[in-house]
Amino acid sequence: MRICRFAFVFVLTGVLVLVGCSSNKDGKNADQVTITYWQYTFPSKVEEIDRLIEKFEAENPDIKVVAQDFPYDQYNDKITAAMHANKAPDILNIYYGWIPNFVKQGYIQPIPGFHEYSGN
């Protein structure tokens, strides 16, 4: 779970850098940015991520994280459909066995320098 927390925070930090360079198109609250996070349903992981998001939002009140979880047996298809429709979330939590195919399809890219920080 420790690596999961680290990976979530690391990826979220990267997204925040990208979000900081973008603009809010809807104009509702120019100071708040909303990012989406998807994961497959695994109750203990969903609960832990919800706690991490709550802590993150408390420390970053200008960022709203909308988390969604999907049944595992439908998740891969959901991601694929979203990628093809150009409606993918900002952050994905995926099963490690899917990574090679997702990289091959161009859905995800390595995080530069991640191995330097993860100890791998």
PDB file of N, CA and C in Angstrom:
ATOM      1  N   MET A   1       0.828  -1.191   0.000  1.00  0.00           N
ATOM      2  CA  MET A   1       0.000   0.000   0.000  1.00  0.00           C
ATOM      3  C   MET A   1       0.871   1.253   0.000  1.00  0.00           C
ATOM      4  N   ARG A   2       2.075   1.138   0.561  1.00  0.00           N
ATOM      5  CA  ARG A   2       2.973   2.284   0.612  1.00  0.00           C
ATOM      6  C   ARG A   2       3.356   2.747  -0.794  1.00  0.00           C
ATOM      7  N   ILE A   3       3.637   1.796  -1.683  1.00  0.00           N
ATOM      8  CA  ILE A   3       3.979   2.141  -3.065  1.00  0.00           C
ATOM      9  C   ILE A   3       2.770   2.739  -3.758  1.00  0.00           C
ATOM     10  N   CYS A   4       1.577   2.209  -3.456  1.00  0.00           N
ATOM     11  CA  CYS A   4       0.344   2.744  -4.042  1.00  0.00           C
ATOM     12  C   CYS A   4       0.184   4.217  -3.676  1.00  0.00           C
ATOM     13  N   ARG A   5       0.399   4.550  -2.416  1.00  0.00           N
ATOM     14  CA  ARG A   5       0.301   5.945  -1.971  1.00  0.00           C
ATOM     15  C   ARG A   5       1.331   6.806  -2.678  1.00  0.00           C
ATOM     16  N   PHE A   6       2.570   6.301  -2.735  1.00  0.00           N
ATOM     17  CA  PHE A   6       3.633   7.062  -3.371  1.00  0.00           C
ATOM     18  C   PHE A   6       3.305   7.295  -4.836  1.00  0.00           C
ATOM     19  N   ALA A   7       2.889   6.238  -5.527  1.00  0.00           N
ATOM     20  CA  ALA A   7       2.572   6.362  -6.954  1.00  0.00           C
ATOM     21  C   ALA A   7       1.431   7.348  -7.167  1.00  0.00           C
ATOM     22  N   PHE A   8       0.391   7.279  -6.324  1.00  0.00           N
ATOM     23  CA  PHE A   8      -0.737   8.196  -6.459  1.00  0.00           C
ATOM     24  C   PHE A   8      -0.278   9.635  -6.282  1.00  0.00           C
ATOM     25  N   VAL A   9       0.478   9.890  -5.236  1.00  0.00           N
ATOM     26  CA  VAL A   9       0.953  11.250  -4.969  1.00  0.00           C
ATOM     27  C   VAL A   9       1.882  11.716  -6.079  1.00  0.00           C
ATOM     28  N   PHE A  10       2.771  10.845  -6.548  1.00  0.00           N
ATOM     29  CA  PHE A  10       3.704  11.210  -7.610  1.00  0.00           C
ATOM     30  C   PHE A  10       2.957  11.554  -8.891  1.00  0.00           C
ATOM     31  N   VAL A  11       2.014  10.707  -9.284  1.00  0.00           N
ATOM     32  CA  VAL A  11       1.242  10.954 -10.505  1.00  0.00           C
ATOM     33  C   VAL A  11       0.398  12.211 -10.343  1.00  0.00           C
ATOM     34  N   LEU A  12      -0.224  12.368  -9.184  1.00  0.00           N
ATOM     35  CA  LEU A  12      -1.053  13.537  -8.943  1.00  0.00           C
ATOM     36  C   LEU A  12      -0.226  14.810  -9.014  1.00  0.00           C
ATOM     37  N   THR A  13       0.984  14.775  -8.502  1.00  0.00           N
ATOM     38  CA  THR A  13       1.867  15.932  -8.582  1.00  0.00           C
ATOM     39  C   THR A  13       2.168  16.282 -10.041  1.00  0.00           C
ATOM     40  N   GLY A  14       2.432  15.255 -10.848  1.00  0.00           N
ATOM     41  CA  GLY A  14       2.671  15.491 -12.268  1.00  0.00           C
ATOM     42  C   GLY A  14       1.475  16.108 -12.954  1.00  0.00           C
ATOM     43  N   VAL A  15       0.297  15.617 -12.605  1.00  0.00           N
ATOM     44  CA  VAL A  15      -0.921  16.175 -13.185  1.00  0.00           C
ATOM     45  C   VAL A  15      -1.087  17.622 -12.766  1.00  0.00           C
ATOM     46  N   LEU A  16      -0.765  17.916 -11.526  1.00  0.00           N
ATOM     47  CA  LEU A  16      -0.902  19.282 -11.033  1.00  0.00           C
ATOM     48  C   LEU A  16       0.000  20.242 -11.793  1.00  0.00           C
ATOM     49  N   VAL A  17       1.173  19.793 -12.138  1.00  0.00           N
ATOM     50  CA  VAL A  17       2.065  20.638 -12.930  1.00  0.00           C
ATOM     51  C   VAL A  17       1.420  20.925 -14.276  1.00  0.00           C
ATOM     52  N   LEU A  18       0.853  19.887 -14.893  1.00  0.00           N
ATOM     53  CA  LEU A  18       0.187  20.077 -16.183  1.00  0.00           C
ATOM     54  C   LEU A  18      -1.049  20.946 -16.040  1.00  0.00           C
ATOM     55  N   VAL A  19      -1.809  20.734 -14.987  1.00  0.00           N
ATOM     56  CA  VAL A  19      -3.026  21.513 -14.766  1.00  0.00           C
ATOM     57  C   VAL A  19      -2.682  22.978 -14.538  1.00  0.00           C
ATOM     58  N   GLY A  20      -1.592  23.220 -13.859  1.00  0.00           N
ATOM     59  CA  GLY A  20      -1.179  24.592 -13.601  1.00  0.00           C
ATOM     60  C   GLY A  20      -0.860  25.356 -14.873  1.00  0.00           C
ATOM     61  N   CYS A  21      -0.541  24.617 -15.933  1.00  0.00           N
ATOM     62  CA  CYS A  21      -0.234  25.244 -17.213  1.00  0.00           C
ATOM     63  C   CYS A  21      -1.458  25.386 -18.102  1.00  0.00           C
ATOM     64  N   SER A  22      -2.602  24.892 -17.640  1.00  0.00           N
ATOM     65  CA  SER A  22      -3.816  24.952 -18.462  1.00  0.00           C
ATOM     66  C   SER A  22      -4.761  26.010 -17.938  1.00  0.00           C
ATOM     67  N   SER A  23      -5.834  26.236 -18.685  1.00  0.00           N
ATOM     68  CA  SER A  23      -6.816  27.216 -18.257  1.00  0.00           C
ATOM     69  C   SER A  23      -8.150  26.551 -18.005  1.00  0.00           C
ATOM     70  N   ASN A  24      -8.981  27.167 -17.201  1.00  0.00           N
ATOM     71  CA  ASN A  24     -10.313  26.663 -16.894  1.00  0.00           C
ATOM     72  C   ASN A  24     -11.261  27.163 -17.972  1.00  0.00           C
ATOM     73  N   LYS A  25     -11.832  26.244 -18.755  1.00  0.00           N
ATOM     74  CA  LYS A  25     -12.661  26.621 -19.893  1.00  0.00           C
ATOM     75  C   LYS A  25     -14.073  27.017 -19.505  1.00  0.00           C
ATOM     76  N   ASP A  26     -14.615  26.457 -18.433  1.00  0.00           N
ATOM     77  CA  ASP A  26     -16.023  26.719 -18.107  1.00  0.00           C
ATOM     78  C   ASP A  26     -16.255  28.045 -17.401  1.00  0.00           C
ATOM     79  N   GLY A  27     -15.224  28.623 -16.825  1.00  0.00           N
ATOM     80  CA  GLY A  27     -15.329  29.929 -16.203  1.00  0.00           C
ATOM     81  C   GLY A  27     -16.132  29.953 -14.916  1.00  0.00           C
ATOM     82  N   LYS A  28     -16.565  28.798 -14.408  1.00  0.00           N
ATOM     83  CA  LYS A  28     -17.371  28.768 -13.179  1.00  0.00           C
ATOM     84  C   LYS A  28     -16.556  29.237 -11.984  1.00  0.00           C
ATOM     85  N   ASN A  29     -15.380  28.715 -11.830  1.00  0.00           N
ATOM     86  CA  ASN A  29     -14.502  29.110 -10.744  1.00  0.00           C
ATOM     87  C   ASN A  29     -13.088  29.066 -11.295  1.00  0.00           C
ATOM     88  N   ALA A  30     -12.601  30.200 -11.699  1.00  0.00           N
ATOM     89  CA  ALA A  30     -11.305  30.265 -12.352  1.00  0.00           C
ATOM     90  C   ALA A  30     -10.170  29.797 -11.452  1.00  0.00           C
ATOM     91  N   ASP A  31     -10.404  29.798 -10.134  1.00  0.00           N
ATOM     92  CA  ASP A  31      -9.359  29.400  -9.203  1.00  0.00           C
ATOM     93  C   ASP A  31      -9.356  27.903  -8.911  1.00  0.00           C
ATOM     94  N   GLN A  32     -10.430  27.189  -9.232  1.00  0.00           N
ATOM     95  CA  GLN A  32     -10.490  25.762  -8.938  1.00  0.00           C
ATOM     96  C   GLN A  32     -10.350  24.933 -10.214  1.00  0.00           C
ATOM     97  N   VAL A  33      -9.552  23.894 -10.107  1.00  0.00           N
ATOM     98  CA  VAL A  33      -9.322  22.968 -11.203  1.00  0.00           C
ATOM     99  C   VAL A  33      -9.907  21.624 -10.787  1.00  0.00           C
ATOM    100  N   THR A  34     -10.542  20.938 -11.732  1.00  0.00           N
ATOM    101  CA  THR A  34     -11.089  19.614 -11.463  1.00  0.00           C
ATOM    102  C   THR A  34     -10.326  18.592 -12.290  1.00  0.00           C
ATOM    103  N   ILE A  35      -9.878  17.534 -11.630  1.00  0.00           N
ATOM    104  CA  ILE A  35      -9.229  16.426 -12.328  1.00  0.00           C
ATOM    105  C   ILE A  35     -10.012  15.153 -12.039  1.00  0.00           C
ATOM    106  N   THR A  36      -9.974  14.238 -12.993  1.00  0.00           N
ATOM    107  CA  THR A  36     -10.691  12.976 -12.825  1.00  0.00           C
ATOM    108  C   THR A  36      -9.709  11.840 -12.582  1.00  0.00           C
ATOM    109  N   TYR A  37     -10.127  10.925 -11.737  1.00  0.00           N
ATOM    110  CA  TYR A  37      -9.322   9.760 -11.363  1.00  0.00           C
ATOM    111  C   TYR A  37     -10.197   8.521 -11.489  1.00  0.00           C
ATOM    112  N   TRP A  38      -9.729   7.525 -12.239  1.00  0.00           N
ATOM    113  CA  TRP A  38     -10.459   6.267 -12.400  1.00  0.00           C
ATOM    114  C   TRP A  38      -9.658   5.120 -11.817  1.00  0.00           C
ATOM    115  N   GLN A  39     -10.404   4.158 -11.254  1.00  0.00           N
ATOM    116  CA  GLN A  39      -9.807   2.919 -10.769  1.00  0.00           C
ATOM    117  C   GLN A  39     -10.845   1.814 -10.859  1.00  0.00           C
ATOM    118  N   TYR A  40     -10.376   0.572 -10.829  1.00  0.00           N
ATOM    119  CA  TYR A  40     -11.328  -0.534 -10.776  1.00  0.00           C
ATOM    120  C   TYR A  40     -11.722  -0.738  -9.318  1.00  0.00           C
ATOM    121  N   THR A  41     -12.901  -1.305  -9.130  1.00  0.00           N
ATOM    122  CA  THR A  41     -13.444  -1.472  -7.788  1.00  0.00           C
ATOM    123  C   THR A  41     -12.698  -2.566  -7.034  1.00  0.00           C
ATOM    124  N   PHE A  42     -12.073  -2.178  -5.968  1.00  0.00           N
ATOM    125  CA  PHE A  42     -11.443  -3.059  -4.995  1.00  0.00           C
ATOM    126  C   PHE A  42     -11.649  -2.311  -3.676  1.00  0.00           C
ATOM    127  N   PRO A  43     -12.660  -2.717  -2.886  1.00  0.00           N
ATOM    128  CA  PRO A  43     -13.135  -1.887  -1.766  1.00  0.00           C
ATOM    129  C   PRO A  43     -12.062  -1.279  -0.867  1.00  0.00           C
ATOM    130  N   SER A  44     -11.080  -2.044  -0.430  1.00  0.00           N
ATOM    131  CA  SER A  44     -10.085  -1.467   0.481  1.00  0.00           C
ATOM    132  C   SER A  44      -9.233  -0.413  -0.223  1.00  0.00           C
ATOM    133  N   LYS A  45      -8.949  -0.629  -1.509  1.00  0.00           N
ATOM    134  CA  LYS A  45      -8.179   0.364  -2.259  1.00  0.00           C
ATOM    135  C   LYS A  45      -9.007   1.625  -2.488  1.00  0.00           C
ATOM    136  N   VAL A  46     -10.276   1.449  -2.827  1.00  0.00           N
ATOM    137  CA  VAL A  46     -11.158   2.601  -3.040  1.00  0.00           C
ATOM    138  C   VAL A  46     -11.235   3.445  -1.772  1.00  0.00           C
ATOM    139  N   GLU A  47     -11.383   2.790  -0.621  1.00  0.00           N
ATOM    140  CA  GLU A  47     -11.449   3.515   0.657  1.00  0.00           C
ATOM    141  C   GLU A  47     -10.154   4.271   0.928  1.00  0.00           C
ATOM    142  N   GLU A  48      -9.015   3.631   0.686  1.00  0.00           N
ATOM    143  CA  GLU A  48      -7.723   4.285   0.932  1.00  0.00           C
ATOM    144  C   GLU A  48      -7.527   5.473  -0.010  1.00  0.00           C
ATOM    145  N   ILE A  49      -7.841   5.292  -1.276  1.00  0.00           N
ATOM    146  CA  ILE A  49      -7.701   6.385  -2.242  1.00  0.00           C
ATOM    147  C   ILE A  49      -8.633   7.536  -1.877  1.00  0.00           C
ATOM    148  N   ASP A  50      -9.851   7.220  -1.442  1.00  0.00           N
ATOM    149  CA  ASP A  50     -10.781   8.274  -1.013  1.00  0.00           C
ATOM    150  C   ASP A  50     -10.188   9.094   0.132  1.00  0.00           C
ATOM    151  N   ARG A  51      -9.523   8.411   1.079  1.00  0.00           N
ATOM    152  CA  ARG A  51      -8.873   9.130   2.190  1.00  0.00           C
ATOM    153  C   ARG A  51      -7.723  10.001   1.673  1.00  0.00           C
ATOM    154  N   LEU A  52      -6.947   9.464   0.742  1.00  0.00           N
ATOM    155  CA  LEU A  52      -5.837  10.235   0.187  1.00  0.00           C
ATOM    156  C   LEU A  52      -6.342  11.451  -0.589  1.00  0.00           C
ATOM    157  N   ILE A  53      -7.413  11.270  -1.322  1.00  0.00           N
ATOM    158  CA  ILE A  53      -7.992  12.394  -2.077  1.00  0.00           C
ATOM    159  C   ILE A  53      -8.497  13.464  -1.115  1.00  0.00           C
ATOM    160  N   GLU A  54      -9.167  13.039  -0.065  1.00  0.00           N
ATOM    161  CA  GLU A  54      -9.676  13.993   0.927  1.00  0.00           C
ATOM    162  C   GLU A  54      -8.524  14.800   1.534  1.00  0.00           C
ATOM    163  N   LYS A  55      -7.441  14.121   1.878  1.00  0.00           N
ATOM    164  CA  LYS A  55      -6.278  14.806   2.437  1.00  0.00           C
ATOM    165  C   LYS A  55      -5.661  15.746   1.400  1.00  0.00           C
ATOM    166  N   PHE A  56      -5.529  15.260   0.169  1.00  0.00           N
ATOM    167  CA  PHE A  56      -4.963  16.066  -0.898  1.00  0.00           C
ATOM    168  C   PHE A  56      -5.789  17.327  -1.133  1.00  0.00           C
ATOM    169  N   GLU A  57      -7.112  17.183  -1.196  1.00  0.00           N
ATOM    170  CA  GLU A  57      -7.977  18.341  -1.431  1.00  0.00           C
ATOM    171  C   GLU A  57      -7.916  19.331  -0.270  1.00  0.00           C
ATOM    172  N   ALA A  58      -7.767  18.839   0.950  1.00  0.00           N
ATOM    173  CA  ALA A  58      -7.643  19.738   2.102  1.00  0.00           C
ATOM    174  C   ALA A  58      -6.357  20.556   2.007  1.00  0.00           C
ATOM    175  N   GLU A  59      -5.295  19.932   1.491  1.00  0.00           N
ATOM    176  CA  GLU A  59      -4.010  20.620   1.343  1.00  0.00           C
ATOM    177  C   GLU A  59      -3.947  21.476   0.077  1.00  0.00           C
ATOM    178  N   ASN A  60      -4.872  21.217  -0.850  1.00  0.00           N
ATOM    179  CA  ASN A  60      -4.895  21.923  -2.136  1.00  0.00           C
ATOM    180  C   ASN A  60      -6.334  22.334  -2.457  1.00  0.00           C
ATOM    181  N   PRO A  61      -6.869  23.314  -1.756  1.00  0.00           N
ATOM    182  CA  PRO A  61      -8.280  23.663  -1.909  1.00  0.00           C
ATOM    183  C   PRO A  61      -8.682  24.147  -3.296  1.00  0.00           C
ATOM    184  N   ASP A  62      -7.715  24.480  -4.119  1.00  0.00           N
ATOM    185  CA  ASP A  62      -8.026  24.931  -5.469  1.00  0.00           C
ATOM    186  C   ASP A  62      -8.123  23.776  -6.473  1.00  0.00           C
ATOM    187  N   ILE A  63      -7.988  22.538  -5.968  1.00  0.00           N
ATOM    188  CA  ILE A  63      -8.064  21.363  -6.845  1.00  0.00           C
ATOM    189  C   ILE A  63      -9.127  20.407  -6.333  1.00  0.00           C
ATOM    190  N   LYS A  64     -10.025  20.024  -7.208  1.00  0.00           N
ATOM    191  CA  LYS A  64     -11.085  19.068  -6.908  1.00  0.00           C
ATOM    192  C   LYS A  64     -10.772  17.787  -7.664  1.00  0.00           C
ATOM    193  N   VAL A  65     -10.756  16.656  -6.969  1.00  0.00           N
ATOM    194  CA  VAL A  65     -10.521  15.358  -7.590  1.00  0.00           C
ATOM    195  C   VAL A  65     -11.847  14.607  -7.626  1.00  0.00           C
ATOM    196  N   VAL A  66     -12.279  14.249  -8.821  1.00  0.00           N
ATOM    197  CA  VAL A  66     -13.497  13.463  -8.997  1.00  0.00           C
ATOM    198  C   VAL A  66     -13.058  12.028  -9.252  1.00  0.00           C
ATOM    199  N   ALA A  67     -13.305  11.173  -8.277  1.00  0.00           N
ATOM    200  CA  ALA A  67     -12.902   9.772  -8.376  1.00  0.00           C
ATOM    201  C   ALA A  67     -14.082   8.904  -8.782  1.00  0.00           C
ATOM    202  N   GLN A  68     -13.804   7.964  -9.679  1.00  0.00           N
ATOM    203  CA  GLN A  68     -14.815   7.008 -10.095  1.00  0.00           C
ATOM    204  C   GLN A  68     -14.184   5.625 -10.091  1.00  0.00           C
ATOM    205  N   ASP A  69     -14.963   4.636  -9.637  1.00  0.00           N
ATOM    206  CA  ASP A  69     -14.479   3.270  -9.739  1.00  0.00           C
ATOM    207  C   ASP A  69     -15.485   2.450 -10.539  1.00  0.00           C
ATOM    208  N   PHE A  70     -14.950   1.439 -11.215  1.00  0.00           N
ATOM    209  CA  PHE A  70     -15.733   0.616 -12.127  1.00  0.00           C
ATOM    210  C   PHE A  70     -15.471  -0.856 -11.830  1.00  0.00           C
ATOM    211  N   PRO A  71     -16.437  -1.716 -12.104  1.00  0.00           N
ATOM    212  CA  PRO A  71     -16.205  -3.151 -11.909  1.00  0.00           C
ATOM    213  C   PRO A  71     -14.988  -3.612 -12.710  1.00  0.00           C
ATOM    214  N   TYR A  72     -14.183  -4.450 -12.086  1.00  0.00           N
ATOM    215  CA  TYR A  72     -12.942  -4.901 -12.701  1.00  0.00           C
ATOM    216  C   TYR A  72     -13.175  -5.503 -14.087  1.00  0.00           C
ATOM    217  N   ASP A  73     -14.217  -6.329 -14.233  1.00  0.00           N
ATOM    218  CA  ASP A  73     -14.438  -7.016 -15.498  1.00  0.00           C
ATOM    219  C   ASP A  73     -14.882  -6.086 -16.628  1.00  0.00           C
ATOM    220  N   GLN A  74     -15.231  -4.847 -16.312  1.00  0.00           N
ATOM    221  CA  GLN A  74     -15.640  -3.874 -17.323  1.00  0.00           C
ATOM    222  C   GLN A  74     -14.610  -2.752 -17.517  1.00  0.00           C
ATOM    223  N   TYR A  75     -13.665  -2.683 -16.607  1.00  0.00           N
ATOM    224  CA  TYR A  75     -12.762  -1.534 -16.552  1.00  0.00           C
ATOM    225  C   TYR A  75     -11.882  -1.392 -17.795  1.00  0.00           C
ATOM    226  N   ASN A  76     -11.278  -2.472 -18.250  1.00  0.00           N
ATOM    227  CA  ASN A  76     -10.412  -2.411 -19.421  1.00  0.00           C
ATOM    228  C   ASN A  76     -11.183  -1.881 -20.627  1.00  0.00           C
ATOM    229  N   ASP A  77     -12.399  -2.388 -20.839  1.00  0.00           N
ATOM    230  CA  ASP A  77     -13.225  -1.913 -21.956  1.00  0.00           C
ATOM    231  C   ASP A  77     -13.608  -0.443 -21.777  1.00  0.00           C
ATOM    232  N   LYS A  78     -13.885  -0.046 -20.547  1.00  0.00           N
ATOM    233  CA  LYS A  78     -14.249   1.348 -20.247  1.00  0.00           C
ATOM    234  C   LYS A  78     -13.095   2.292 -20.614  1.00  0.00           C
ATOM    235  N   ILE A  79     -11.887   1.902 -20.233  1.00  0.00           N
ATOM    236  CA  ILE A  79     -10.719   2.726 -20.549  1.00  0.00           C
ATOM    237  C   ILE A  79     -10.516   2.810 -22.060  1.00  0.00           C
ATOM    238  N   THR A  80     -10.578   1.668 -22.721  1.00  0.00           N
ATOM    239  CA  THR A  80     -10.374   1.628 -24.170  1.00  0.00           C
ATOM    240  C   THR A  80     -11.393   2.517 -24.886  1.00  0.00           C
ATOM    241  N   ALA A  81     -12.653   2.397 -24.500  1.00  0.00           N
ATOM    242  CA  ALA A  81     -13.699   3.215 -25.124  1.00  0.00           C
ATOM    243  C   ALA A  81     -13.453   4.703 -24.863  1.00  0.00           C
ATOM    244  N   ALA A  82     -13.076   5.039 -23.638  1.00  0.00           N
ATOM    245  CA  ALA A  82     -12.818   6.440 -23.298  1.00  0.00           C
ATOM    246  C   ALA A  82     -11.631   6.994 -24.083  1.00  0.00           C
ATOM    247  N   MET A  83     -10.589   6.193 -24.235  1.00  0.00           N
ATOM    248  CA  MET A  83      -9.418   6.636 -25.002  1.00  0.00           C
ATOM    249  C   MET A  83      -9.798   6.912 -26.459  1.00  0.00           C
ATOM    250  N   HIS A  84     -10.551   6.003 -27.038  1.00  0.00           N
ATOM    251  CA  HIS A  84     -10.952   6.176 -28.443  1.00  0.00           C
ATOM    252  C   HIS A  84     -11.893   7.368 -28.633  1.00  0.00           C
ATOM    253  N   ALA A  85     -12.684   7.672 -27.612  1.00  0.00           N
ATOM    254  CA  ALA A  85     -13.623   8.798 -27.688  1.00  0.00           C
ATOM    255  C   ALA A  85     -12.985  10.113 -27.243  1.00  0.00           C
ATOM    256  N   ASN A  86     -11.706  10.054 -26.865  1.00  0.00           N
ATOM    257  CA  ASN A  86     -11.004  11.229 -26.365  1.00  0.00           C
ATOM    258  C   ASN A  86     -11.659  11.777 -25.092  1.00  0.00           C
ATOM    259  N   LYS A  87     -12.135  10.872 -24.243  1.00  0.00           N
ATOM    260  CA  LYS A  87     -12.817  11.227 -23.000  1.00  0.00           C
ATOM    261  C   LYS A  87     -12.162  10.554 -21.788  1.00  0.00           C
ATOM    262  N   ALA A  88     -10.897  10.281 -21.888  1.00  0.00           N
ATOM    263  CA  ALA A  88     -10.196   9.584 -20.809  1.00  0.00           C
ATOM    264  C   ALA A  88     -10.030  10.482 -19.588  1.00  0.00           C
ATOM    265  N   PRO A  89      -9.893   9.880 -18.419  1.00  0.00           N
ATOM    266  CA  PRO A  89      -9.671  10.671 -17.210  1.00  0.00           C
ATOM    267  C   PRO A  89      -8.246  11.232 -17.188  1.00  0.00           C
ATOM    268  N   ASP A  90      -8.015  12.109 -16.248  1.00  0.00           N
ATOM    269  CA  ASP A  90      -6.675  12.679 -16.091  1.00  0.00           C
ATOM    270  C   ASP A  90      -5.700  11.666 -15.502  1.00  0.00           C
ATOM    271  N   ILE A  91      -6.204  10.822 -14.587  1.00  0.00           N
ATOM    272  CA  ILE A  91      -5.369   9.832 -13.902  1.00  0.00           C
ATOM    273  C   ILE A  91      -6.075   8.484 -13.957  1.00  0.00           C
ATOM    274  N   LEU A  92      -5.320   7.441 -14.287  1.00  0.00           N
ATOM    275  CA  LEU A  92      -5.819   6.072 -14.303  1.00  0.00           C
ATOM    276  C   LEU A  92      -5.052   5.233 -13.303  1.00  0.00           C
ATOM    277  N   ASN A  93      -5.730   4.373 -12.606  1.00  0.00           N
ATOM    278  CA  ASN A  93      -5.096   3.351 -11.793  1.00  0.00           C
ATOM    279  C   ASN A  93      -5.422   2.048 -12.498  1.00  0.00           C
ATOM    280  N   ILE A  94      -4.402   1.375 -13.000  1.00  0.00           N
ATOM    281  CA  ILE A  94      -4.657   0.175 -13.792  1.00  0.00           C
ATOM    282  C   ILE A  94      -3.941  -1.044 -13.230  1.00  0.00           C
ATOM    283  N   TYR A  95      -4.426  -2.186 -13.634  1.00  0.00           N
ATOM    284  CA  TYR A  95      -3.800  -3.462 -13.305  1.00  0.00           C
ATOM    285  C   TYR A  95      -2.455  -3.520 -14.029  1.00  0.00           C
ATOM    286  N   TYR A  96      -1.393  -3.885 -13.314  1.00  0.00           N
ATOM    287  CA  TYR A  96      -0.047  -3.852 -13.886  1.00  0.00           C
ATOM    288  C   TYR A  96       0.097  -4.725 -15.132  1.00  0.00           C
ATOM    289  N   GLY A  97      -0.676  -5.778 -15.236  1.00  0.00           N
ATOM    290  CA  GLY A  97      -0.589  -6.654 -16.397  1.00  0.00           C
ATOM    291  C   GLY A  97      -1.076  -6.002 -17.685  1.00  0.00           C
ATOM    292  N   TRP A  98      -1.820  -4.920 -17.567  1.00  0.00           N
ATOM    293  CA  TRP A  98      -2.323  -4.210 -18.752  1.00  0.00           C
ATOM    294  C   TRP A  98      -1.328  -3.186 -19.285  1.00  0.00           C
ATOM    295  N   ILE A  99      -0.323  -2.859 -18.515  1.00  0.00           N
ATOM    296  CA  ILE A  99       0.597  -1.783 -18.877  1.00  0.00           C
ATOM    297  C   ILE A  99       1.246  -1.978 -20.249  1.00  0.00           C
ATOM    298  N   PRO A 100       1.831  -3.143 -20.562  1.00  0.00           N
ATOM    299  CA  PRO A 100       2.471  -3.271 -21.881  1.00  0.00           C
ATOM    300  C   PRO A 100       1.515  -2.984 -23.045  1.00  0.00           C
ATOM    301  N   ASN A 101       0.299  -3.487 -22.965  1.00  0.00           N
ATOM    302  CA  ASN A 101      -0.662  -3.248 -24.040  1.00  0.00           C
ATOM    303  C   ASN A 101      -1.077  -1.775 -24.095  1.00  0.00           C
ATOM    304  N   PHE A 102      -1.261  -1.153 -22.932  1.00  0.00           N
ATOM    305  CA  PHE A 102      -1.658   0.257 -22.910  1.00  0.00           C
ATOM    306  C   PHE A 102      -0.545   1.153 -23.463  1.00  0.00           C
ATOM    307  N   VAL A 103       0.700   0.797 -23.188  1.00  0.00           N
ATOM    308  CA  VAL A 103       1.824   1.549 -23.748  1.00  0.00           C
ATOM    309  C   VAL A 103       1.855   1.348 -25.260  1.00  0.00           C
ATOM    310  N   LYS A 104       1.703   0.100 -25.703  1.00  0.00           N
ATOM    311  CA  LYS A 104       1.700  -0.215 -27.129  1.00  0.00           C
ATOM    312  C   LYS A 104       0.599   0.548 -27.873  1.00  0.00           C
ATOM    313  N   GLN A 105      -0.567   0.666 -27.240  1.00  0.00           N
ATOM    314  CA  GLN A 105      -1.692   1.366 -27.853  1.00  0.00           C
ATOM    315  C   GLN A 105      -1.538   2.895 -27.775  1.00  0.00           C
ATOM    316  N   GLY A 106      -0.561   3.364 -26.979  1.00  0.00           N
ATOM    317  CA  GLY A 106      -0.357   4.799 -26.842  1.00  0.00           C
ATOM    318  C   GLY A 106      -1.266   5.441 -25.802  1.00  0.00           C
ATOM    319  N   TYR A 107      -1.908   4.612 -24.967  1.00  0.00           N
ATOM    320  CA  TYR A 107      -2.807   5.135 -23.949  1.00  0.00           C
ATOM    321  C   TYR A 107      -2.058   5.757 -22.778  1.00  0.00           C
ATOM    322  N   ILE A 108      -0.916   5.193 -22.458  1.00  0.00           N
ATOM    323  CA  ILE A 108      -0.117   5.701 -21.334  1.00  0.00           C
ATOM    324  C   ILE A 108       1.336   5.808 -21.775  1.00  0.00           C
ATOM    325  N   GLN A 109       2.078   6.614 -21.029  1.00  0.00           N
ATOM    326  CA  GLN A 109       3.497   6.786 -21.273  1.00  0.00           C
ATOM    327  C   GLN A 109       4.217   6.701 -19.944  1.00  0.00           C
ATOM    328  N   PRO A 110       5.474   6.291 -19.960  1.00  0.00           N
ATOM    329  CA  PRO A 110       6.236   6.245 -18.712  1.00  0.00           C
ATOM    330  C   PRO A 110       6.343   7.635 -18.085  1.00  0.00           C
ATOM    331  N   ILE A 111       6.420   7.676 -16.790  1.00  0.00           N
ATOM    332  CA  ILE A 111       6.645   8.929 -16.080  1.00  0.00           C
ATOM    333  C   ILE A 111       8.146   9.144 -16.009  1.00  0.00           C
ATOM    334  N   PRO A 112       8.662  10.198 -16.650  1.00  0.00           N
ATOM    335  CA  PRO A 112      10.113  10.415 -16.635  1.00  0.00           C
ATOM    336  C   PRO A 112      10.649  10.498 -15.207  1.00  0.00           C
ATOM    337  N   GLY A 113      11.704   9.741 -14.956  1.00  0.00           N
ATOM    338  CA  GLY A 113      12.352   9.793 -13.651  1.00  0.00           C
ATOM    339  C   GLY A 113      11.673   8.999 -12.553  1.00  0.00           C
ATOM    340  N   PHE A 114      10.552   8.311 -12.851  1.00  0.00           N
ATOM    341  CA  PHE A 114       9.817   7.588 -11.803  1.00  0.00           C
ATOM    342  C   PHE A 114      10.701   6.547 -11.131  1.00  0.00           C
ATOM    343  N   HIS A 115      11.476   5.803 -11.904  1.00  0.00           N
ATOM    344  CA  HIS A 115      12.318   4.761 -11.316  1.00  0.00           C
ATOM    345  C   HIS A 115      13.374   5.336 -10.377  1.00  0.00           C
ATOM    346  N   GLU A 116      13.793   6.547 -10.627  1.00  0.00           N
ATOM    347  CA  GLU A 116      14.755   7.199  -9.754  1.00  0.00           C
ATOM    348  C   GLU A 116      14.177   7.397  -8.360  1.00  0.00           C
ATOM    349  N   TYR A 117      12.873   7.689  -8.279  1.00  0.00           N
ATOM    350  CA  TYR A 117      12.242   7.969  -7.003  1.00  0.00           C
ATOM    351  C   TYR A 117      11.658   6.733  -6.339  1.00  0.00           C
ATOM    352  N   SER A 118      11.324   5.719  -7.115  1.00  0.00           N
ATOM    353  CA  SER A 118      10.683   4.537  -6.554  1.00  0.00           C
ATOM    354  C   SER A 118      11.677   3.529  -6.023  1.00  0.00           C
ATOM    355  N   GLY A 119      12.945   3.731  -6.330  1.00  0.00           N
ATOM    356  CA  GLY A 119      13.964   2.803  -5.853  1.00  0.00           C
ATOM    357  C   GLY A 119      14.139   1.604  -6.764  1.00  0.00           C
ATOM    358  N   ASN A 120      13.452   1.587  -7.899  1.00  0.00           N
ATOM    359  CA  ASN A 120      13.578   0.465  -8.857  1.00  0.00           C
ATOM    360  C   ASN A 120      14.659   0.739  -9.878  1.00  0.00           C
TER     361      ASN A 120
END
